[in-house]
PDB file of N, CA and C in Angstrom:
ATOM      1  N   UNK A   1      -3.953  30.450  16.913  1.00  0.00           N
ATOM      2  CA  UNK A   1      -4.169  29.426  15.911  1.00  0.00           C
ATOM      3  C   UNK A   1      -5.604  28.921  16.063  1.00  0.00           C
ATOM      4  N   UNK A   2      -6.319  28.911  14.967  1.00  0.00           N
ATOM      5  CA  UNK A   2      -7.722  28.518  15.004  1.00  0.00           C
ATOM      6  C   UNK A   2      -7.927  27.055  14.606  1.00  0.00           C
ATOM      7  N   UNK A   3      -7.335  26.174  15.416  1.00  0.00           N
ATOM      8  CA  UNK A   3      -7.541  24.733  15.286  1.00  0.00           C
ATOM      9  C   UNK A   3      -7.658  24.154  16.688  1.00  0.00           C
ATOM     10  N   UNK A   4      -8.508  23.153  16.837  1.00  0.00           N
ATOM     11  CA  UNK A   4      -8.615  22.478  18.126  1.00  0.00           C
ATOM     12  C   UNK A   4      -7.472  21.475  18.266  1.00  0.00           C
ATOM     13  N   UNK A   5      -7.277  20.987  19.487  1.00  0.00           N
ATOM     14  CA  UNK A   5      -6.270  19.948  19.723  1.00  0.00           C
ATOM     15  C   UNK A   5      -6.571  18.717  18.875  1.00  0.00           C
ATOM     16  N   UNK A   6      -7.843  18.372  18.776  1.00  0.00           N
ATOM     17  CA  UNK A   6      -8.241  17.202  17.995  1.00  0.00           C
ATOM     18  C   UNK A   6      -7.910  17.397  16.515  1.00  0.00           C
ATOM     19  N   UNK A   7      -8.156  18.600  16.000  1.00  0.00           N
ATOM     20  CA  UNK A   7      -7.837  18.882  14.596  1.00  0.00           C
ATOM     21  C   UNK A   7      -6.331  18.796  14.354  1.00  0.00           C
ATOM     22  N   UNK A   8      -5.545  19.365  15.258  1.00  0.00           N
ATOM     23  CA  UNK A   8      -4.084  19.305  15.130  1.00  0.00           C
ATOM     24  C   UNK A   8      -3.627  17.859  15.137  1.00  0.00           C
ATOM     25  N   UNK A   9      -4.124  17.059  16.073  1.00  0.00           N
ATOM     26  CA  UNK A   9      -3.736  15.654  16.157  1.00  0.00           C
ATOM     27  C   UNK A   9      -4.110  14.895  14.886  1.00  0.00           C
ATOM     28  N   UNK A  10      -5.278  15.168  14.349  1.00  0.00           N
ATOM     29  CA  UNK A  10      -5.715  14.516  13.114  1.00  0.00           C
ATOM     30  C   UNK A  10      -4.797  14.875  11.964  1.00  0.00           C
ATOM     31  N   UNK A  11      -4.476  16.146  11.829  1.00  0.00           N
ATOM     32  CA  UNK A  11      -3.605  16.607  10.746  1.00  0.00           C
ATOM     33  C   UNK A  11      -2.242  15.937  10.826  1.00  0.00           C
ATOM     34  N   UNK A  12      -1.629  15.983  11.994  1.00  0.00           N
ATOM     35  CA  UNK A  12      -0.291  15.401  12.167  1.00  0.00           C
ATOM     36  C   UNK A  12      -0.324  13.893  11.925  1.00  0.00           C
ATOM     37  N   UNK A  13      -1.306  13.206  12.488  1.00  0.00           N
ATOM     38  CA  UNK A  13      -1.399  11.755  12.349  1.00  0.00           C
ATOM     39  C   UNK A  13      -1.547  11.340  10.891  1.00  0.00           C
ATOM     40  N   UNK A  14      -2.466  11.956  10.165  1.00  0.00           N
ATOM     41  CA  UNK A  14      -2.709  11.592   8.770  1.00  0.00           C
ATOM     42  C   UNK A  14      -1.479  11.904   7.921  1.00  0.00           C
ATOM     43  N   UNK A  15      -0.913  13.083   8.098  1.00  0.00           N
ATOM     44  CA  UNK A  15       0.258  13.467   7.299  1.00  0.00           C
ATOM     45  C   UNK A  15       1.426  12.519   7.523  1.00  0.00           C
ATOM     46  N   UNK A  16       1.695  12.192   8.775  1.00  0.00           N
ATOM     47  CA  UNK A  16       2.825  11.307   9.081  1.00  0.00           C
ATOM     48  C   UNK A  16       2.554   9.861   8.681  1.00  0.00           C
ATOM     49  N   UNK A  17       1.309   9.434   8.753  1.00  0.00           N
ATOM     50  CA  UNK A  17       0.970   8.074   8.343  1.00  0.00           C
ATOM     51  C   UNK A  17       1.230   7.891   6.851  1.00  0.00           C
ATOM     52  N   UNK A  18       0.888   8.892   6.060  1.00  0.00           N
ATOM     53  CA  UNK A  18       1.009   8.768   4.602  1.00  0.00           C
ATOM     54  C   UNK A  18       2.364   9.247   4.091  1.00  0.00           C
ATOM     55  N   UNK A  19       2.873  10.355   4.617  1.00  0.00           N
ATOM     56  CA  UNK A  19       4.116  10.938   4.101  1.00  0.00           C
ATOM     57  C   UNK A  19       5.361  10.413   4.815  1.00  0.00           C
ATOM     58  N   UNK A  20       5.176   9.713   5.917  1.00  0.00           N
ATOM     59  CA  UNK A  20       6.319   9.174   6.651  1.00  0.00           C
ATOM     60  C   UNK A  20       6.368   9.705   8.070  1.00  0.00           C
ATOM     61  N   UNK A  21       6.707   8.827   9.005  1.00  0.00           N
ATOM     62  CA  UNK A  21       6.733   9.185  10.425  1.00  0.00           C
ATOM     63  C   UNK A  21       7.689  10.322  10.753  1.00  0.00           C
ATOM     64  N   UNK A  22       8.716  10.513   9.945  1.00  0.00           N
ATOM     65  CA  UNK A  22       9.688  11.573  10.210  1.00  0.00           C
ATOM     66  C   UNK A  22       9.341  12.885   9.517  1.00  0.00           C
ATOM     67  N   UNK A  23       8.139  12.966   8.991  1.00  0.00           N
ATOM     68  CA  UNK A  23       7.705  14.200   8.332  1.00  0.00           C
ATOM     69  C   UNK A  23       7.464  15.301   9.355  1.00  0.00           C
ATOM     70  N   UNK A  24       7.718  16.525   8.929  1.00  0.00           N
ATOM     71  CA  UNK A  24       7.415  17.693   9.725  1.00  0.00           C
ATOM     72  C   UNK A  24       6.194  18.349   9.099  1.00  0.00           C
ATOM     73  N   UNK A  25       5.226  18.711   9.927  1.00  0.00           N
ATOM     74  CA  UNK A  25       3.969  19.267   9.442  1.00  0.00           C
ATOM     75  C   UNK A  25       3.853  20.709   9.931  1.00  0.00           C
ATOM     76  N   UNK A  26       3.585  21.618   8.997  1.00  0.00           N
ATOM     77  CA  UNK A  26       3.488  23.042   9.289  1.00  0.00           C
ATOM     78  C   UNK A  26       2.104  23.557   8.921  1.00  0.00           C
ATOM     79  N   UNK A  27       1.605  24.504   9.682  1.00  0.00           N
ATOM     80  CA  UNK A  27       0.381  25.215   9.357  1.00  0.00           C
ATOM     81  C   UNK A  27       0.774  26.619   8.921  1.00  0.00           C
ATOM     82  N   UNK A  28       0.166  27.088   7.843  1.00  0.00           N
ATOM     83  CA  UNK A  28       0.396  28.460   7.404  1.00  0.00           C
ATOM     84  C   UNK A  28      -0.940  29.038   6.945  1.00  0.00           C
ATOM     85  N   UNK A  29      -0.963  30.328   6.692  1.00  0.00           N
ATOM     86  CA  UNK A  29      -2.168  30.948   6.153  1.00  0.00           C
ATOM     87  C   UNK A  29      -3.110  31.482   7.219  1.00  0.00           C
ATOM     88  N   UNK A  30      -4.375  31.647   6.822  1.00  0.00           N
ATOM     89  CA  UNK A  30      -5.355  32.362   7.640  1.00  0.00           C
ATOM     90  C   UNK A  30      -5.668  31.683   8.975  1.00  0.00           C
ATOM     91  N   UNK A  31      -5.496  30.388   9.081  1.00  0.00           N
ATOM     92  CA  UNK A  31      -5.806  29.694  10.342  1.00  0.00           C
ATOM     93  C   UNK A  31      -4.846  30.073  11.470  1.00  0.00           C
ATOM     94  N   UNK A  32      -3.747  30.728  11.151  1.00  0.00           N
ATOM     95  CA  UNK A  32      -2.822  31.195  12.193  1.00  0.00           C
ATOM     96  C   UNK A  32      -3.295  32.492  12.843  1.00  0.00           C
ATOM     97  N   UNK A  33      -4.212  33.190  12.197  1.00  0.00           N
ATOM     98  CA  UNK A  33      -4.689  34.490  12.666  1.00  0.00           C
ATOM     99  C   UNK A  33      -5.964  34.306  13.481  1.00  0.00           C
ATOM    100  N   UNK A  34      -5.868  34.513  14.792  1.00  0.00           N
ATOM    101  CA  UNK A  34      -7.010  34.338  15.688  1.00  0.00           C
ATOM    102  C   UNK A  34      -8.112  35.373  15.443  1.00  0.00           C
ATOM    103  N   UNK A  35      -7.811  36.441  14.748  1.00  0.00           N
ATOM    104  CA  UNK A  35      -8.793  37.497  14.511  1.00  0.00           C
ATOM    105  C   UNK A  35      -9.620  37.274  13.248  1.00  0.00           C
ATOM    106  N   UNK A  36      -9.279  36.276  12.471  1.00  0.00           N
ATOM    107  CA  UNK A  36     -10.018  36.005  11.232  1.00  0.00           C
ATOM    108  C   UNK A  36     -11.055  34.925  11.474  1.00  0.00           C
ATOM    109  N   UNK A  37     -11.916  34.751  10.497  1.00  0.00           N
ATOM    110  CA  UNK A  37     -12.960  33.730  10.585  1.00  0.00           C
ATOM    111  C   UNK A  37     -12.947  32.897   9.318  1.00  0.00           C
ATOM    112  N   UNK A  38     -13.345  31.626   9.451  1.00  0.00           N
ATOM    113  CA  UNK A  38     -13.450  30.758   8.282  1.00  0.00           C
ATOM    114  C   UNK A  38     -12.096  30.448   7.674  1.00  0.00           C
ATOM    115  N   UNK A  39     -12.124  30.119   6.408  1.00  0.00           N
ATOM    116  CA  UNK A  39     -10.896  29.840   5.679  1.00  0.00           C
ATOM    117  C   UNK A  39     -10.556  28.362   5.675  1.00  0.00           C
ATOM    118  N   UNK A  40      -9.725  28.000   4.726  1.00  0.00           N
ATOM    119  CA  UNK A  40      -9.293  26.615   4.627  1.00  0.00           C
ATOM    120  C   UNK A  40      -8.118  26.369   5.562  1.00  0.00           C
ATOM    121  N   UNK A  41      -7.668  25.136   5.598  1.00  0.00           N
ATOM    122  CA  UNK A  41      -6.505  24.765   6.389  1.00  0.00           C
ATOM    123  C   UNK A  41      -5.352  24.559   5.420  1.00  0.00           C
ATOM    124  N   UNK A  42      -4.298  25.330   5.586  1.00  0.00           N
ATOM    125  CA  UNK A  42      -3.129  25.267   4.709  1.00  0.00           C
ATOM    126  C   UNK A  42      -2.016  24.519   5.428  1.00  0.00           C
ATOM    127  N   UNK A  43      -1.597  23.403   4.826  1.00  0.00           N
ATOM    128  CA  UNK A  43      -0.606  22.525   5.450  1.00  0.00           C
ATOM    129  C   UNK A  43       0.605  22.381   4.532  1.00  0.00           C
ATOM    130  N   UNK A  44       1.780  22.497   5.120  1.00  0.00           N
ATOM    131  CA  UNK A  44       3.035  22.225   4.426  1.00  0.00           C
ATOM    132  C   UNK A  44       3.664  21.007   5.096  1.00  0.00           C
ATOM    133  N   UNK A  45       3.982  20.007   4.295  1.00  0.00           N
ATOM    134  CA  UNK A  45       4.614  18.793   4.807  1.00  0.00           C
ATOM    135  C   UNK A  45       6.037  18.732   4.273  1.00  0.00           C
ATOM    136  N   UNK A  46       6.995  18.536   5.173  1.00  0.00           N
ATOM    137  CA  UNK A  46       8.379  18.295   4.775  1.00  0.00           C
ATOM    138  C   UNK A  46       8.699  16.856   5.140  1.00  0.00           C
ATOM    139  N   UNK A  47       9.029  16.096   4.131  1.00  0.00           N
ATOM    140  CA  UNK A  47       9.293  14.673   4.339  1.00  0.00           C
ATOM    141  C   UNK A  47      10.684  14.324   3.814  1.00  0.00           C
ATOM    142  N   UNK A  48      11.432  13.517   4.576  1.00  0.00           N
ATOM    143  CA  UNK A  48      12.737  13.080   4.081  1.00  0.00           C
ATOM    144  C   UNK A  48      12.605  12.137   2.883  1.00  0.00           C
ATOM    145  N   UNK A  49      11.413  11.572   2.718  1.00  0.00           N
ATOM    146  CA  UNK A  49      11.144  10.690   1.583  1.00  0.00           C
ATOM    147  C   UNK A  49      10.292  11.434   0.562  1.00  0.00           C
ATOM    148  N   UNK A  50      10.462  11.145  -0.720  1.00  0.00           N
ATOM    149  CA  UNK A  50       9.599  11.776  -1.720  1.00  0.00           C
ATOM    150  C   UNK A  50       8.131  11.411  -1.472  1.00  0.00           C
ATOM    151  N   UNK A  51       7.254  12.389  -1.620  1.00  0.00           N
ATOM    152  CA  UNK A  51       5.816  12.182  -1.483  1.00  0.00           C
ATOM    153  C   UNK A  51       5.213  12.320  -2.876  1.00  0.00           C
ATOM    154  N   UNK A  52       4.540  11.277  -3.321  1.00  0.00           N
ATOM    155  CA  UNK A  52       3.980  11.283  -4.664  1.00  0.00           C
ATOM    156  C   UNK A  52       2.730  12.159  -4.732  1.00  0.00           C
ATOM    157  N   UNK A  53       2.328  12.478  -5.938  1.00  0.00           N
ATOM    158  CA  UNK A  53       1.112  13.252  -6.150  1.00  0.00           C
ATOM    159  C   UNK A  53      -0.104  12.491  -5.601  1.00  0.00           C
ATOM    160  N   UNK A  54      -0.119  11.187  -5.763  1.00  0.00           N
ATOM    161  CA  UNK A  54      -1.221  10.375  -5.243  1.00  0.00           C
ATOM    162  C   UNK A  54      -1.259  10.400  -3.713  1.00  0.00           C
ATOM    163  N   UNK A  55      -0.106  10.361  -3.062  1.00  0.00           N
ATOM    164  CA  UNK A  55      -0.070  10.444  -1.603  1.00  0.00           C
ATOM    165  C   UNK A  55      -0.571  11.804  -1.134  1.00  0.00           C
ATOM    166  N   UNK A  56      -0.154  12.838  -1.820  1.00  0.00           N
ATOM    167  CA  UNK A  56      -0.598  14.187  -1.478  1.00  0.00           C
ATOM    168  C   UNK A  56      -2.112  14.315  -1.631  1.00  0.00           C
ATOM    169  N   UNK A  57      -2.653  13.767  -2.721  1.00  0.00           N
ATOM    170  CA  UNK A  57      -4.102  13.801  -2.946  1.00  0.00           C
ATOM    171  C   UNK A  57      -4.831  13.008  -1.864  1.00  0.00           C
ATOM    172  N   UNK A  58      -4.243  11.896  -1.456  1.00  0.00           N
ATOM    173  CA  UNK A  58      -4.853  11.066  -0.410  1.00  0.00           C
ATOM    174  C   UNK A  58      -4.882  11.802   0.930  1.00  0.00           C
ATOM    175  N   UNK A  59      -3.794  12.498   1.259  1.00  0.00           N
ATOM    176  CA  UNK A  59      -3.748  13.299   2.490  1.00  0.00           C
ATOM    177  C   UNK A  59      -4.857  14.340   2.459  1.00  0.00           C
ATOM    178  N   UNK A  60      -4.959  15.053   1.341  1.00  0.00           N
ATOM    179  CA  UNK A  60      -5.975  16.097   1.203  1.00  0.00           C
ATOM    180  C   UNK A  60      -7.379  15.518   1.369  1.00  0.00           C
ATOM    181  N   UNK A  61      -7.667  14.422   0.691  1.00  0.00           N
ATOM    182  CA  UNK A  61      -8.988  13.813   0.733  1.00  0.00           C
ATOM    183  C   UNK A  61      -9.352  13.352   2.145  1.00  0.00           C
ATOM    184  N   UNK A  62      -8.449  12.655   2.791  1.00  0.00           N
ATOM    185  CA  UNK A  62      -8.730  12.146   4.139  1.00  0.00           C
ATOM    186  C   UNK A  62      -8.901  13.293   5.133  1.00  0.00           C
ATOM    187  N   UNK A  63      -8.035  14.297   5.055  1.00  0.00           N
ATOM    188  CA  UNK A  63      -8.165  15.430   5.972  1.00  0.00           C
ATOM    189  C   UNK A  63      -9.487  16.163   5.762  1.00  0.00           C
ATOM    190  N   UNK A  64      -9.856  16.388   4.518  1.00  0.00           N
ATOM    191  CA  UNK A  64     -11.122  17.082   4.248  1.00  0.00           C
ATOM    192  C   UNK A  64     -12.312  16.278   4.757  1.00  0.00           C
ATOM    193  N   UNK A  65     -12.252  14.973   4.623  1.00  0.00           N
ATOM    194  CA  UNK A  65     -13.337  14.125   5.115  1.00  0.00           C
ATOM    195  C   UNK A  65     -13.407  14.130   6.642  1.00  0.00           C
ATOM    196  N   UNK A  66     -12.258  14.053   7.294  1.00  0.00           N
ATOM    197  CA  UNK A  66     -12.247  13.969   8.754  1.00  0.00           C
ATOM    198  C   UNK A  66     -12.466  15.315   9.436  1.00  0.00           C
ATOM    199  N   UNK A  67     -12.001  16.397   8.809  1.00  0.00           N
ATOM    200  CA  UNK A  67     -12.127  17.722   9.420  1.00  0.00           C
ATOM    201  C   UNK A  67     -13.369  18.478   8.946  1.00  0.00           C
ATOM    202  N   UNK A  68     -13.948  18.004   7.849  1.00  0.00           N
ATOM    203  CA  UNK A  68     -15.103  18.663   7.247  1.00  0.00           C
ATOM    204  C   UNK A  68     -14.796  20.129   6.901  1.00  0.00           C
ATOM    205  N   UNK A  69     -13.582  20.357   6.423  1.00  0.00           N
ATOM    206  CA  UNK A  69     -13.107  21.680   6.009  1.00  0.00           C
ATOM    207  C   UNK A  69     -12.233  21.511   4.776  1.00  0.00           C
ATOM    208  N   UNK A  70     -12.154  22.554   3.929  1.00  0.00           N
ATOM    209  CA  UNK A  70     -11.225  22.469   2.799  1.00  0.00           C
ATOM    210  C   UNK A  70      -9.776  22.519   3.296  1.00  0.00           C
ATOM    211  N   UNK A  71      -8.920  21.751   2.631  1.00  0.00           N
ATOM    212  CA  UNK A  71      -7.512  21.659   3.028  1.00  0.00           C
ATOM    213  C   UNK A  71      -6.643  21.814   1.782  1.00  0.00           C
ATOM    214  N   UNK A  72      -5.602  22.636   1.887  1.00  0.00           N
ATOM    215  CA  UNK A  72      -4.574  22.735   0.850  1.00  0.00           C
ATOM    216  C   UNK A  72      -3.319  22.071   1.388  1.00  0.00           C
ATOM    217  N   UNK A  73      -2.687  21.248   0.564  1.00  0.00           N
ATOM    218  CA  UNK A  73      -1.500  20.505   0.992  1.00  0.00           C
ATOM    219  C   UNK A  73      -0.337  20.823   0.062  1.00  0.00           C
ATOM    220  N   UNK A  74       0.733  21.343   0.637  1.00  0.00           N
ATOM    221  CA  UNK A  74       2.003  21.532  -0.073  1.00  0.00           C
ATOM    222  C   UNK A  74       2.995  20.523   0.484  1.00  0.00           C
ATOM    223  N   UNK A  75       3.901  20.076  -0.366  1.00  0.00           N
ATOM    224  CA  UNK A  75       4.932  19.139   0.084  1.00  0.00           C
ATOM    225  C   UNK A  75       6.288  19.662  -0.353  1.00  0.00           C
ATOM    226  N   UNK A  76       7.239  19.593   0.561  1.00  0.00           N
ATOM    227  CA  UNK A  76       8.608  19.990   0.259  1.00  0.00           C
ATOM    228  C   UNK A  76       9.537  18.865   0.703  1.00  0.00           C
ATOM    229  N   UNK A  77      10.467  18.532  -0.158  1.00  0.00           N
ATOM    230  CA  UNK A  77      11.471  17.521   0.153  1.00  0.00           C
ATOM    231  C   UNK A  77      12.749  18.265   0.529  1.00  0.00           C
ATOM    232  N   UNK A  78      13.330  17.994   1.691  1.00  0.00           N
ATOM    233  CA  UNK A  78      14.501  18.752   2.149  1.00  0.00           C
ATOM    234  C   UNK A  78      15.689  18.718   1.183  1.00  0.00           C
ATOM    235  N   UNK A  79      15.786  17.685   0.365  1.00  0.00           N
ATOM    236  CA  UNK A  79      16.910  17.590  -0.563  1.00  0.00           C
ATOM    237  C   UNK A  79      16.691  18.412  -1.832  1.00  0.00           C
ATOM    238  N   UNK A  80      15.474  18.922  -1.996  1.00  0.00           N
ATOM    239  CA  UNK A  80      15.131  19.692  -3.193  1.00  0.00           C
ATOM    240  C   UNK A  80      15.204  21.176  -2.871  1.00  0.00           C
ATOM    241  N   UNK A  81      15.536  21.965  -3.859  1.00  0.00           N
ATOM    242  CA  UNK A  81      15.584  23.409  -3.657  1.00  0.00           C
ATOM    243  C   UNK A  81      14.186  23.927  -3.369  1.00  0.00           C
ATOM    244  N   UNK A  82      14.092  24.761  -2.356  1.00  0.00           N
ATOM    245  CA  UNK A  82      12.807  25.297  -1.930  1.00  0.00           C
ATOM    246  C   UNK A  82      12.286  26.300  -2.953  1.00  0.00           C
ATOM    247  N   UNK A  83      10.993  26.193  -3.289  1.00  0.00           N
ATOM    248  CA  UNK A  83      10.445  27.149  -4.251  1.00  0.00           C
ATOM    249  C   UNK A  83      10.144  28.480  -3.565  1.00  0.00           C
ATOM    250  N   UNK A  84       9.892  29.499  -4.346  1.00  0.00           N
ATOM    251  CA  UNK A  84       9.712  30.858  -3.830  1.00  0.00           C
ATOM    252  C   UNK A  84       8.520  30.965  -2.885  1.00  0.00           C
ATOM    253  N   UNK A  85       7.434  30.257  -3.192  1.00  0.00           N
ATOM    254  CA  UNK A  85       6.253  30.339  -2.337  1.00  0.00           C
ATOM    255  C   UNK A  85       6.536  29.767  -0.956  1.00  0.00           C
ATOM    256  N   UNK A  86       7.196  28.621  -0.904  1.00  0.00           N
ATOM    257  CA  UNK A  86       7.519  28.019   0.389  1.00  0.00           C
ATOM    258  C   UNK A  86       8.486  28.915   1.163  1.00  0.00           C
ATOM    259  N   UNK A  87       9.426  29.519   0.486  1.00  0.00           N
ATOM    260  CA  UNK A  87      10.345  30.458   1.151  1.00  0.00           C
ATOM    261  C   UNK A  87       9.599  31.646   1.740  1.00  0.00           C
ATOM    262  N   UNK A  88       8.527  32.052   1.083  1.00  0.00           N
ATOM    263  CA  UNK A  88       7.738  33.195   1.547  1.00  0.00           C
ATOM    264  C   UNK A  88       6.883  32.836   2.771  1.00  0.00           C
ATOM    265  N   UNK A  89       6.298  31.638   2.785  1.00  0.00           N
ATOM    266  CA  UNK A  89       5.394  31.285   3.889  1.00  0.00           C
ATOM    267  C   UNK A  89       6.107  30.735   5.112  1.00  0.00           C
ATOM    268  N   UNK A  90       7.275  30.150   4.914  1.00  0.00           N
ATOM    269  CA  UNK A  90       7.972  29.485   6.022  1.00  0.00           C
ATOM    270  C   UNK A  90       8.192  30.375   7.255  1.00  0.00           C
ATOM    271  N   UNK A  91       8.604  31.637   7.116  1.00  0.00           N
ATOM    272  CA  UNK A  91       8.850  32.433   8.322  1.00  0.00           C
ATOM    273  C   UNK A  91       7.613  32.623   9.210  1.00  0.00           C
ATOM    274  N   UNK A  92       6.433  32.552   8.625  1.00  0.00           N
ATOM    275  CA  UNK A  92       5.211  32.745   9.402  1.00  0.00           C
ATOM    276  C   UNK A  92       4.539  31.425   9.773  1.00  0.00           C
ATOM    277  N   UNK A  93       4.986  30.334   9.190  1.00  0.00           N
ATOM    278  CA  UNK A  93       4.361  29.030   9.444  1.00  0.00           C
ATOM    279  C   UNK A  93       4.647  28.548  10.865  1.00  0.00           C
ATOM    280  N   UNK A  94       3.747  27.719  11.358  1.00  0.00           N
ATOM    281  CA  UNK A  94       3.912  27.153  12.702  1.00  0.00           C
ATOM    282  C   UNK A  94       3.949  25.633  12.603  1.00  0.00           C
ATOM    283  N   UNK A  95       4.981  25.041  13.187  1.00  0.00           N
ATOM    284  CA  UNK A  95       5.112  23.593  13.175  1.00  0.00           C
ATOM    285  C   UNK A  95       4.062  22.980  14.084  1.00  0.00           C
ATOM    286  N   UNK A  96       3.380  21.944  13.562  1.00  0.00           N
ATOM    287  CA  UNK A  96       2.356  21.245  14.327  1.00  0.00           C
ATOM    288  C   UNK A  96       2.946  19.976  14.928  1.00  0.00           C
ATOM    289  N   UNK A  97       2.626  19.739  16.167  1.00  0.00           N
ATOM    290  CA  UNK A  97       3.027  18.513  16.850  1.00  0.00           C
ATOM    291  C   UNK A  97       1.784  17.925  17.514  1.00  0.00           C
ATOM    292  N   UNK A  98       1.794  16.640  17.731  1.00  0.00           N
ATOM    293  CA  UNK A  98       0.676  15.998  18.396  1.00  0.00           C
ATOM    294  C   UNK A  98       0.511  16.577  19.797  1.00  0.00           C
ATOM    295  N   UNK A  99      -0.729  16.955  20.122  1.00  0.00           N
ATOM    296  CA  UNK A  99      -1.036  17.508  21.446  1.00  0.00           C
ATOM    297  C   UNK A  99      -1.785  16.440  22.229  1.00  0.00           C
ATOM    298  N   UNK A 100      -1.229  16.068  23.365  1.00  0.00           N
ATOM    299  CA  UNK A 100      -1.869  15.026  24.185  1.00  0.00           C
ATOM    300  C   UNK A 100      -2.859  15.616  25.146  1.00  0.00           C
TER     301      UNK A 100
END
C-alpha cells in the first residue's frame, strides 16, 4: 500500500469526523499496488448513517488539501443495495484503520 501512516490516519480521521465515528473506510485502486507510481487516492466509506453529497464533497476537499493529492470518494450505506462498481472493487479493497 502506497500511503504513509500519517496519510492513513488523516484519511480515517477526516472520513469518520464527517461521515460518522462508526464509518468503515476502505482504500481501493492503484494505491494498493506497491509496484505502481503516482495516482489518486480512492476511498470507499461505509457509514451506518446517510452521507449527503455535501458531506462527501467536504471529505474530498479536506483530504485533497491535507494530502496534496487528488482523492476520489465513494460512499455506501449498508442498508442500501450495493451498486455493481462497489461489488467489483470490494474484494480487492483494504480496510483502513488508524495507525498509532
